[in-house]
Amino acid sequence: MTLKKPRSKSATVAATYRTDLGLILNWLKLNKAITAHGAIREIRNDLHAVSVKSKVNKMELNNLVKDRFGVFAKVI
């Protein structure tokens, strides 16, 4: 019997504007998709990101974000 490592439950959510990222975090909290998040940081002049600990895998998290916010946000 081999033990598999659990899939990573941490992800980075990125958006163009800090306010968009705040809305995304609130949406994910309301849907109980994340347990915690870090501080919002600026990656480049036109991109902000935040690290999140999720209850779902990255693909499901990506689907939630893309369904609601479309091209304005992405899960890395």
N, C-alpha and C. Protein backbone atom coordinates (compact mmCIF):
# COMPACT_ATOMS: atom_id res chain seq x y z
N MET A 1 0.83 -1.17 0.00
CA MET A 1 0.00 0.00 0.00
C MET A 1 0.89 1.24 0.00
N THR A 2 0.63 2.13 -0.96
CA THR A 2 1.41 3.36 -1.02
C THR A 2 0.54 4.53 -0.60
N LEU A 3 1.16 5.45 0.04
CA LEU A 3 0.45 6.65 0.47
C LEU A 3 0.72 7.75 -0.54
N LYS A 4 -0.34 8.35 -1.04
CA LYS A 4 -0.20 9.46 -1.97
C LYS A 4 -0.19 10.77 -1.20
N LYS A 5 0.56 11.72 -1.74
CA LYS A 5 0.53 13.05 -1.16
C LYS A 5 -0.78 13.72 -1.53
N PRO A 6 -1.38 14.43 -0.61
CA PRO A 6 -2.61 15.13 -0.99
C PRO A 6 -2.28 16.26 -1.97
N ARG A 7 -3.24 16.56 -2.82
CA ARG A 7 -3.04 17.65 -3.76
C ARG A 7 -2.88 18.95 -3.01
N SER A 8 -2.13 19.83 -3.59
CA SER A 8 -1.88 21.11 -2.96
C SER A 8 -3.17 21.90 -2.82
N LYS A 9 -3.40 22.43 -1.66
CA LYS A 9 -4.60 23.22 -1.41
C LYS A 9 -4.28 24.71 -1.39
N SER A 10 -3.06 25.07 -1.79
CA SER A 10 -2.73 26.49 -1.84
C SER A 10 -2.65 26.93 -3.30
N ALA A 11 -3.08 28.15 -3.54
CA ALA A 11 -3.09 28.70 -4.89
C ALA A 11 -2.89 30.21 -4.81
N THR A 12 -2.63 30.80 -5.95
CA THR A 12 -2.51 32.25 -6.04
C THR A 12 -3.58 32.76 -6.97
N VAL A 13 -4.31 33.75 -6.52
CA VAL A 13 -5.35 34.37 -7.33
C VAL A 13 -4.83 35.74 -7.75
N ALA A 14 -4.91 36.03 -9.05
CA ALA A 14 -4.38 37.29 -9.58
C ALA A 14 -5.47 38.05 -10.31
N ALA A 15 -5.41 39.38 -10.21
CA ALA A 15 -6.36 40.25 -10.91
C ALA A 15 -5.66 41.58 -11.21
N THR A 16 -6.24 42.33 -12.12
CA THR A 16 -5.64 43.59 -12.54
C THR A 16 -5.74 44.65 -11.45
N TYR A 17 -6.88 44.74 -10.80
CA TYR A 17 -7.10 45.78 -9.79
C TYR A 17 -7.25 45.18 -8.41
N ARG A 18 -6.80 45.93 -7.42
CA ARG A 18 -6.89 45.51 -6.02
C ARG A 18 -8.35 45.36 -5.59
N THR A 19 -9.22 46.23 -6.07
CA THR A 19 -10.64 46.15 -5.70
C THR A 19 -11.29 44.89 -6.28
N ASP A 20 -10.91 44.52 -7.51
CA ASP A 20 -11.41 43.27 -8.09
C ASP A 20 -10.98 42.08 -7.25
N LEU A 21 -9.76 42.11 -6.79
CA LEU A 21 -9.25 41.01 -5.97
C LEU A 21 -10.00 40.92 -4.65
N GLY A 22 -10.36 42.05 -4.08
CA GLY A 22 -11.17 42.05 -2.86
C GLY A 22 -12.53 41.43 -3.08
N LEU A 23 -13.16 41.75 -4.21
CA LEU A 23 -14.45 41.14 -4.55
C LEU A 23 -14.33 39.64 -4.75
N ILE A 24 -13.25 39.22 -5.39
CA ILE A 24 -13.02 37.79 -5.63
C ILE A 24 -12.85 37.06 -4.30
N LEU A 25 -12.08 37.63 -3.39
CA LEU A 25 -11.88 36.99 -2.08
C LEU A 25 -13.19 36.88 -1.31
N ASN A 26 -14.01 37.93 -1.34
CA ASN A 26 -15.31 37.86 -0.67
C ASN A 26 -16.20 36.80 -1.30
N TRP A 27 -16.19 36.69 -2.62
CA TRP A 27 -16.99 35.69 -3.32
C TRP A 27 -16.55 34.28 -2.93
N LEU A 28 -15.25 34.06 -2.87
CA LEU A 28 -14.74 32.74 -2.51
C LEU A 28 -15.05 32.40 -1.05
N LYS A 29 -15.02 33.38 -0.17
CA LYS A 29 -15.38 33.14 1.24
C LYS A 29 -16.86 32.78 1.37
N LEU A 30 -17.71 33.50 0.64
CA LEU A 30 -19.15 33.22 0.70
C LEU A 30 -19.47 31.82 0.18
N ASN A 31 -18.73 31.37 -0.80
CA ASN A 31 -18.94 30.02 -1.35
C ASN A 31 -18.17 28.95 -0.58
N LYS A 32 -17.51 29.36 0.50
CA LYS A 32 -16.76 28.44 1.36
C LYS A 32 -15.72 27.65 0.57
N ALA A 33 -15.07 28.33 -0.37
CA ALA A 33 -14.05 27.69 -1.19
C ALA A 33 -12.66 27.89 -0.60
N ILE A 34 -12.47 28.93 0.23
CA ILE A 34 -11.16 29.18 0.83
C ILE A 34 -11.27 29.23 2.35
N THR A 35 -10.18 28.88 3.00
CA THR A 35 -10.14 28.92 4.45
C THR A 35 -9.38 30.14 4.95
N ALA A 36 -8.36 30.55 4.20
CA ALA A 36 -7.54 31.70 4.61
C ALA A 36 -6.90 32.33 3.39
N HIS A 37 -6.48 33.58 3.56
CA HIS A 37 -5.75 34.25 2.48
C HIS A 37 -4.71 35.17 3.07
N GLY A 38 -3.70 35.46 2.28
CA GLY A 38 -2.63 36.34 2.72
C GLY A 38 -2.93 37.78 2.33
N ALA A 39 -1.90 38.58 2.42
CA ALA A 39 -2.03 40.00 2.06
C ALA A 39 -2.00 40.15 0.54
N ILE A 40 -2.70 41.15 0.06
CA ILE A 40 -2.70 41.46 -1.37
C ILE A 40 -1.39 42.16 -1.69
N ARG A 41 -0.69 41.65 -2.71
CA ARG A 41 0.59 42.25 -3.09
C ARG A 41 0.59 42.60 -4.57
N GLU A 42 1.39 43.58 -4.93
CA GLU A 42 1.48 44.01 -6.31
C GLU A 42 2.65 43.28 -6.97
N ILE A 43 2.34 42.51 -8.02
CA ILE A 43 3.37 41.76 -8.71
C ILE A 43 4.07 42.65 -9.73
N ARG A 44 3.27 43.27 -10.56
CA ARG A 44 3.75 44.24 -11.54
C ARG A 44 2.89 45.48 -11.40
N ASN A 45 3.13 46.46 -12.25
CA ASN A 45 2.32 47.67 -12.20
C ASN A 45 0.85 47.39 -12.52
N ASP A 46 0.60 46.36 -13.30
CA ASP A 46 -0.77 46.09 -13.75
C ASP A 46 -1.34 44.79 -13.20
N LEU A 47 -0.74 44.19 -12.17
CA LEU A 47 -1.23 42.91 -11.68
C LEU A 47 -1.05 42.81 -10.17
N HIS A 48 -2.14 42.42 -9.48
CA HIS A 48 -2.11 42.19 -8.04
C HIS A 48 -2.42 40.72 -7.78
N ALA A 49 -1.87 40.19 -6.69
CA ALA A 49 -2.07 38.77 -6.40
C ALA A 49 -2.20 38.55 -4.90
N VAL A 50 -2.80 37.42 -4.55
CA VAL A 50 -2.93 37.02 -3.16
C VAL A 50 -2.86 35.49 -3.09
N SER A 51 -2.21 34.98 -2.06
CA SER A 51 -2.14 33.54 -1.83
C SER A 51 -3.33 33.12 -1.00
N VAL A 52 -3.94 32.00 -1.38
CA VAL A 52 -5.11 31.50 -0.64
C VAL A 52 -4.92 30.03 -0.30
N LYS A 53 -5.52 29.63 0.81
CA LYS A 53 -5.61 28.21 1.18
C LYS A 53 -7.04 27.79 0.89
N SER A 54 -7.19 26.80 0.03
CA SER A 54 -8.54 26.46 -0.41
C SER A 54 -9.00 25.12 0.14
N LYS A 55 -10.31 24.94 0.15
CA LYS A 55 -10.91 23.68 0.54
C LYS A 55 -11.08 22.77 -0.67
N VAL A 56 -10.98 23.33 -1.87
CA VAL A 56 -11.15 22.59 -3.11
C VAL A 56 -9.83 22.62 -3.88
N ASN A 57 -9.71 21.77 -4.88
CA ASN A 57 -8.47 21.77 -5.65
C ASN A 57 -8.42 22.97 -6.60
N LYS A 58 -7.26 23.16 -7.23
CA LYS A 58 -7.05 24.34 -8.06
C LYS A 58 -8.01 24.42 -9.24
N MET A 59 -8.34 23.28 -9.83
CA MET A 59 -9.23 23.30 -10.99
C MET A 59 -10.63 23.77 -10.60
N GLU A 60 -11.14 23.29 -9.49
CA GLU A 60 -12.46 23.73 -9.02
C GLU A 60 -12.44 25.20 -8.62
N LEU A 61 -11.34 25.62 -8.00
CA LEU A 61 -11.19 27.03 -7.63
C LEU A 61 -11.15 27.91 -8.88
N ASN A 62 -10.41 27.46 -9.89
CA ASN A 62 -10.34 28.18 -11.15
C ASN A 62 -11.71 28.27 -11.81
N ASN A 63 -12.47 27.19 -11.79
CA ASN A 63 -13.81 27.20 -12.37
C ASN A 63 -14.73 28.19 -11.65
N LEU A 64 -14.66 28.22 -10.32
CA LEU A 64 -15.47 29.18 -9.56
C LEU A 64 -15.13 30.62 -9.93
N VAL A 65 -13.84 30.91 -10.00
CA VAL A 65 -13.40 32.28 -10.31
C VAL A 65 -13.78 32.64 -11.74
N LYS A 66 -13.54 31.75 -12.69
CA LYS A 66 -13.82 32.04 -14.10
C LYS A 66 -15.31 32.17 -14.37
N ASP A 67 -16.14 31.37 -13.70
CA ASP A 67 -17.59 31.47 -13.91
C ASP A 67 -18.13 32.82 -13.47
N ARG A 68 -17.61 33.34 -12.38
CA ARG A 68 -18.13 34.59 -11.85
C ARG A 68 -17.44 35.83 -12.43
N PHE A 69 -16.11 35.78 -12.60
CA PHE A 69 -15.35 36.97 -12.96
C PHE A 69 -14.73 36.93 -14.35
N GLY A 70 -14.79 35.80 -15.03
CA GLY A 70 -14.31 35.72 -16.41
C GLY A 70 -12.85 36.06 -16.57
N VAL A 71 -12.57 36.96 -17.51
CA VAL A 71 -11.19 37.28 -17.86
C VAL A 71 -10.53 38.26 -16.89
N PHE A 72 -11.27 38.76 -15.90
CA PHE A 72 -10.73 39.74 -14.97
C PHE A 72 -9.84 39.12 -13.90
N ALA A 73 -9.88 37.81 -13.75
CA ALA A 73 -9.09 37.15 -12.72
C ALA A 73 -8.62 35.79 -13.20
N LYS A 74 -7.54 35.30 -12.58
CA LYS A 74 -7.06 33.96 -12.90
C LYS A 74 -6.44 33.32 -11.67
N VAL A 75 -6.45 32.01 -11.67
CA VAL A 75 -5.84 31.23 -10.58
C VAL A 75 -4.54 30.66 -11.11
N ILE A 76 -3.46 30.95 -10.39
CA ILE A 76 -2.14 30.50 -10.82
C ILE A 76 -1.72 29.32 -9.97
